[in-house]
Amino acid sequence: MSTQLARSGLRTAQDSVTMLDRNVRRTLRSPDTVIMTIVLPVMILLMFVFVFGGAMDVGDGAYIDYVVPGIILLCASFGASTTAVALSLDLAEGIIDRFRAMAIARSAVLTGHVAESLIRNLITSGIVIGVAVALGFRPTTDPLRWLGVVGVLTMFVFALSWLSAALGLLARNPEAANGFTFFFMFLPYVSSAFVPTESMPVWLHRFAENQPVTPIIETMRGLLMGTPIGNSGLLAVLWCGGIALAGYLAAGVLFRRRTRT
């Protein structure tokens, strides 16, 4: 029995790698996706630093040091949300039906999309950080804290990618899938990403303090800039874990429903 389980797990892993390779190749062959993956995050960074930066007061320190963690999360939110459109497009084009006719693990289709999203967004985040450093971003972190930043970012993208996959399966067409994920891009704006939450009206401040993005940003900001983290680290892990689990379970159920014969 254990041998059979090991073989099944190995086969699923191999199928997932195949699906990952397929999704990476499709991304590289899509100029629009490449542009959105690389150019758009850099443009967002430049806009906030040079257009809005002069009007922002975040206390001590340069605004670029404050805003970069938020920009990273904003771009990751946008990048992870494209998983919904890609998966919905696969369903609309009928490629999922072809996969079902092959001797591959069904779960590999979903894990291939999520793994591609994770790799793509980590690369994008690295580019954004590199450009930010060139513009004057000066993190005061050490190698161990850098690993923490990568870990938090990985959890965040992983969680949103699974949730995005579930929304892509819930939508009836790629356009609807794109609309469903708009909320991903809205949350960072109503958080501590760009201004301290204390500067917001009381009712908005309460929402910003208690939504999932704020503790994740505060954790990354603390790791990068040495600011206090408090209980944000624990909250970030709990939020990411909860979102990932909910997205994974929902995606599994919806995928079985959408591919039911």
Protein backbone atom coordinates (compact mmCIF):
# COMPACT_ATOMS: atom_id res chain seq x y z
CA MET A 1 0.00 0.00 0.00
CA SER A 2 2.77 2.43 0.93
CA THR A 3 4.55 1.65 -2.35
CA GLN A 4 1.40 2.40 -4.33
CA LEU A 5 0.91 5.68 -2.49
CA ALA A 6 4.52 6.65 -3.15
CA ARG A 7 4.14 5.88 -6.86
CA SER A 8 0.88 7.82 -7.00
CA GLY A 9 2.46 10.80 -5.27
CA LEU A 10 5.48 10.71 -7.57
CA ARG A 11 3.25 10.56 -10.62
CA THR A 12 1.17 13.48 -9.38
CA ALA A 13 4.34 15.49 -8.78
CA GLN A 14 5.61 14.69 -12.29
CA ASP A 15 2.28 15.68 -13.81
CA SER A 16 2.33 18.92 -11.83
CA VAL A 17 5.79 19.75 -13.15
CA THR A 18 4.53 19.08 -16.70
CA MET A 19 1.59 21.43 -16.17
CA LEU A 20 3.94 24.01 -14.67
CA ASP A 21 6.17 23.82 -17.73
CA ARG A 22 3.15 24.21 -19.98
CA ASN A 23 1.93 27.32 -18.10
CA VAL A 24 5.38 28.91 -18.04
CA ARG A 25 5.74 28.41 -21.78
CA ARG A 26 2.32 29.94 -22.40
CA THR A 27 3.23 32.96 -20.29
CA LEU A 28 6.51 33.49 -22.14
CA ARG A 29 4.71 33.29 -25.48
CA SER A 30 2.22 35.98 -24.45
CA PRO A 31 3.69 39.48 -24.90
CA ASP A 32 0.78 41.01 -23.00
CA THR A 33 1.41 38.82 -19.97
CA VAL A 34 5.14 39.54 -20.00
CA ILE A 35 4.49 43.28 -20.18
CA MET A 36 1.94 43.16 -17.39
CA THR A 37 4.26 41.02 -15.29
CA ILE A 38 7.35 43.23 -15.60
CA VAL A 39 6.45 46.69 -16.87
CA LEU A 40 3.26 47.39 -14.92
CA PRO A 41 4.73 46.77 -11.43
CA VAL A 42 7.67 49.05 -12.22
CA MET A 43 5.30 51.75 -13.49
CA ILE A 44 3.24 51.51 -10.30
CA LEU A 45 6.40 51.91 -8.25
CA LEU A 46 7.52 54.94 -10.24
CA MET A 47 4.07 56.53 -9.97
CA PHE A 48 3.87 56.27 -6.20
CA VAL A 49 7.46 57.38 -5.63
CA PHE A 50 7.59 60.33 -8.03
CA VAL A 51 3.94 61.40 -8.43
CA PHE A 52 2.55 60.86 -4.94
CA GLY A 53 5.73 60.67 -2.87
CA GLY A 54 6.21 64.40 -2.48
CA ALA A 55 2.76 64.86 -0.98
CA MET A 56 2.96 61.96 1.49
CA ASP A 57 3.96 62.44 5.12
CA VAL A 58 4.82 59.18 6.86
CA GLY A 59 6.93 60.59 9.66
CA ASP A 60 10.63 59.84 9.84
CA GLY A 61 12.35 58.36 6.82
CA ALA A 62 11.90 58.59 3.07
CA TYR A 63 8.54 57.73 1.56
CA ILE A 64 10.12 55.16 -0.76
CA ASP A 65 11.28 53.17 2.28
CA TYR A 66 7.72 53.18 3.59
CA VAL A 67 5.89 52.41 0.36
CA VAL A 68 7.99 49.64 -1.22
CA PRO A 69 6.54 46.81 0.92
CA GLY A 70 3.06 47.93 -0.07
CA ILE A 71 4.01 48.12 -3.75
CA ILE A 72 5.37 44.58 -3.58
CA LEU A 73 2.10 43.30 -2.09
CA LEU A 74 0.00 45.29 -4.58
CA CYS A 75 1.88 43.85 -7.54
CA ALA A 76 1.72 40.35 -6.06
CA SER A 77 -2.03 40.73 -5.62
CA PHE A 78 -2.43 41.71 -9.24
CA GLY A 79 -0.12 38.95 -10.46
CA ALA A 80 -1.80 36.23 -8.42
CA SER A 81 -5.23 37.31 -9.63
CA THR A 82 -4.30 36.47 -13.22
CA THR A 83 -4.48 32.79 -12.22
CA ALA A 84 -8.26 33.10 -12.28
CA VAL A 85 -8.27 34.36 -15.86
CA ALA A 86 -5.77 31.74 -17.05
CA LEU A 87 -7.74 28.87 -15.52
CA SER A 88 -11.06 30.22 -16.77
CA LEU A 89 -9.54 30.54 -20.25
CA ASP A 90 -8.45 26.90 -20.14
CA LEU A 91 -12.01 25.89 -19.35
CA ALA A 92 -13.48 28.11 -22.08
CA GLU A 93 -11.07 26.82 -24.73
CA GLY A 94 -11.72 23.18 -23.86
CA ILE A 95 -8.13 22.29 -23.03
CA ILE A 96 -9.24 20.94 -19.64
CA ASP A 97 -11.38 18.35 -21.45
CA ARG A 98 -8.30 17.22 -23.36
CA PHE A 99 -6.33 16.90 -20.15
CA ARG A 100 -9.10 14.76 -18.68
CA ALA A 101 -8.74 12.34 -21.58
CA MET A 102 -5.05 11.90 -20.73
CA ALA A 103 -3.57 9.73 -18.01
CA ILE A 104 -2.64 12.63 -15.73
CA ALA A 105 -3.61 13.54 -12.20
CA ARG A 106 -6.49 16.01 -12.17
CA SER A 107 -4.96 17.96 -9.30
CA ALA A 108 -1.90 18.64 -11.48
CA VAL A 109 -3.93 21.10 -13.58
CA LEU A 110 -4.54 23.32 -10.55
CA THR A 111 -1.12 22.95 -8.95
CA GLY A 112 0.51 23.78 -12.29
CA HIS A 113 -1.33 27.10 -12.43
CA VAL A 114 -0.59 27.94 -8.80
CA ALA A 115 3.11 27.03 -9.11
CA GLU A 116 3.47 29.18 -12.24
CA SER A 117 1.83 32.11 -10.44
CA LEU A 118 4.17 31.68 -7.50
CA ILE A 119 7.33 31.65 -9.63
CA ARG A 120 6.19 34.54 -11.81
CA ASN A 121 5.29 36.76 -8.88
CA LEU A 122 8.48 36.07 -6.96
CA ILE A 123 10.47 37.08 -10.05
CA THR A 124 8.36 40.21 -10.43
CA SER A 125 8.87 41.09 -6.77
CA GLY A 126 12.62 40.73 -7.21
CA ILE A 127 12.52 43.12 -10.16
CA VAL A 128 10.47 45.66 -8.19
CA ILE A 129 12.90 45.50 -5.26
CA GLY A 130 15.85 45.93 -7.63
CA VAL A 131 14.32 49.01 -9.25
CA ALA A 132 13.38 50.39 -5.83
CA VAL A 133 16.99 50.04 -4.64
CA ALA A 134 18.14 51.89 -7.75
CA LEU A 135 15.67 54.68 -6.89
CA GLY A 136 16.90 55.03 -3.31
CA PHE A 137 15.19 52.28 -1.31
CA ARG A 138 17.51 51.34 1.54
CA PRO A 139 16.37 48.31 3.55
CA THR A 140 18.15 47.85 6.88
CA THR A 141 17.68 44.11 7.00
CA ASP A 142 20.04 41.13 7.21
CA PRO A 143 20.15 37.81 5.30
CA LEU A 144 17.94 36.04 7.86
CA ARG A 145 15.28 38.73 7.65
CA TRP A 146 15.48 38.66 3.86
CA LEU A 147 14.56 34.97 4.08
CA GLY A 148 11.63 36.01 6.25
CA VAL A 149 10.52 38.52 3.61
CA VAL A 150 10.66 35.84 0.92
CA GLY A 151 8.75 33.47 3.18
CA VAL A 152 5.95 35.96 3.89
CA LEU A 153 5.70 36.92 0.23
CA THR A 154 5.60 33.26 -0.80
CA MET A 155 2.78 32.53 1.64
CA PHE A 156 0.83 35.54 0.42
CA VAL A 157 1.15 34.71 -3.29
CA PHE A 158 0.46 31.03 -2.64
CA ALA A 159 -2.72 31.86 -0.72
CA LEU A 160 -4.02 34.36 -3.27
CA SER A 161 -3.18 32.04 -6.16
CA TRP A 162 -5.33 29.25 -4.71
CA LEU A 163 -8.16 31.68 -3.97
CA SER A 164 -7.80 33.07 -7.48
CA ALA A 165 -7.95 29.54 -8.92
CA ALA A 166 -11.22 28.97 -7.07
CA LEU A 167 -12.66 32.21 -8.43
CA GLY A 168 -11.54 31.28 -11.95
CA LEU A 169 -13.44 28.00 -11.65
CA LEU A 170 -16.47 29.79 -10.23
CA ALA A 171 -16.62 32.28 -13.11
CA ARG A 172 -18.39 31.28 -16.31
CA ASN A 173 -16.01 33.11 -18.62
CA PRO A 174 -12.59 34.85 -18.46
CA GLU A 175 -14.18 38.31 -18.32
CA ALA A 176 -16.15 37.39 -15.21
CA ALA A 177 -13.03 35.83 -13.68
CA ASN A 178 -11.18 39.11 -14.18
CA GLY A 179 -14.00 40.98 -12.46
CA PHE A 180 -14.08 38.58 -9.51
CA THR A 181 -10.43 39.27 -8.71
CA PHE A 182 -10.81 43.06 -8.62
CA PHE A 183 -11.13 42.82 -4.85
CA PHE A 184 -7.52 41.58 -4.67
CA MET A 185 -6.25 44.85 -6.09
CA PHE A 186 -8.55 46.96 -3.94
CA LEU A 187 -7.46 45.67 -0.53
CA PRO A 188 -3.87 47.04 -0.55
CA TYR A 189 -5.20 50.56 -1.12
CA VAL A 190 -7.28 50.36 2.07
CA SER A 191 -4.41 49.25 4.28
CA SER A 192 -1.14 50.59 5.64
CA ALA A 193 0.50 50.08 2.24
CA PHE A 194 0.68 53.73 1.19
CA VAL A 195 -0.21 55.79 4.27
CA PRO A 196 -0.44 54.99 8.00
CA THR A 197 -3.89 53.76 8.94
CA GLU A 198 -4.01 56.38 11.71
CA SER A 199 -4.47 59.06 9.05
CA MET A 200 -7.75 57.50 7.87
CA PRO A 201 -11.26 58.26 9.18
CA VAL A 202 -12.21 56.18 12.22
CA TRP A 203 -14.55 53.80 10.37
CA LEU A 204 -12.02 53.22 7.60
CA HIS A 205 -9.16 52.92 10.07
CA ARG A 206 -10.91 50.02 11.79
CA PHE A 207 -11.39 48.18 8.52
CA ALA A 208 -7.81 48.83 7.39
CA GLU A 209 -6.40 47.57 10.68
CA ASN A 210 -8.40 44.34 10.61
CA GLN A 211 -8.20 43.24 7.00
CA PRO A 212 -5.63 40.61 5.90
CA VAL A 213 -3.26 42.80 3.89
CA THR A 214 -2.27 45.20 6.68
CA PRO A 215 -0.55 42.68 9.01
CA ILE A 216 1.23 41.13 6.02
CA ILE A 217 2.54 44.54 4.93
CA GLU A 218 3.54 45.48 8.47
CA THR A 219 5.41 42.20 8.81
CA MET A 220 7.30 42.78 5.56
CA ARG A 221 7.99 46.41 6.47
CA GLY A 222 9.30 45.37 9.86
CA LEU A 223 11.57 42.73 8.32
CA LEU A 224 12.88 45.11 5.67
CA MET A 225 13.17 48.34 7.65
CA GLY A 226 13.50 47.19 11.25
CA THR A 227 10.19 48.70 12.39
CA PRO A 228 8.18 46.99 15.16
CA ILE A 229 6.22 43.94 13.99
CA GLY A 230 4.27 43.15 17.16
CA ASN A 231 1.62 40.50 16.53
CA SER A 232 1.51 41.24 12.80
CA GLY A 233 3.74 38.26 12.02
CA LEU A 234 1.37 35.78 13.65
CA LEU A 235 -1.66 37.43 12.04
CA ALA A 236 0.05 37.33 8.64
CA VAL A 237 0.69 33.59 8.94
CA LEU A 238 -2.87 32.92 10.11
CA TRP A 239 -4.43 35.00 7.34
CA CYS A 240 -2.27 33.41 4.63
CA GLY A 241 -2.88 29.91 5.97
CA GLY A 242 -6.63 30.44 6.20
CA ILE A 243 -6.93 31.95 2.73
CA ALA A 244 -4.76 29.22 1.20
CA LEU A 245 -6.78 26.44 2.84
CA ALA A 246 -10.11 27.99 1.84
CA GLY A 247 -8.92 28.54 -1.73
CA TYR A 248 -7.48 25.02 -2.02
CA LEU A 249 -10.63 23.33 -0.75
CA ALA A 250 -12.95 25.51 -2.83
CA ALA A 251 -10.85 25.03 -5.97
CA GLY A 252 -10.91 21.25 -5.52
CA VAL A 253 -14.68 21.15 -5.13
CA LEU A 254 -15.33 23.55 -8.03
CA PHE A 255 -12.89 21.74 -10.33
CA ARG A 256 -14.69 18.45 -9.77
CA ARG A 257 -18.02 20.12 -10.48
CA ARG A 258 -16.83 21.90 -13.61
CA THR A 259 -15.20 18.75 -15.02
CA ARG A 260 -17.96 16.35 -14.09
CA THR A 261 -19.10 14.23 -17.02
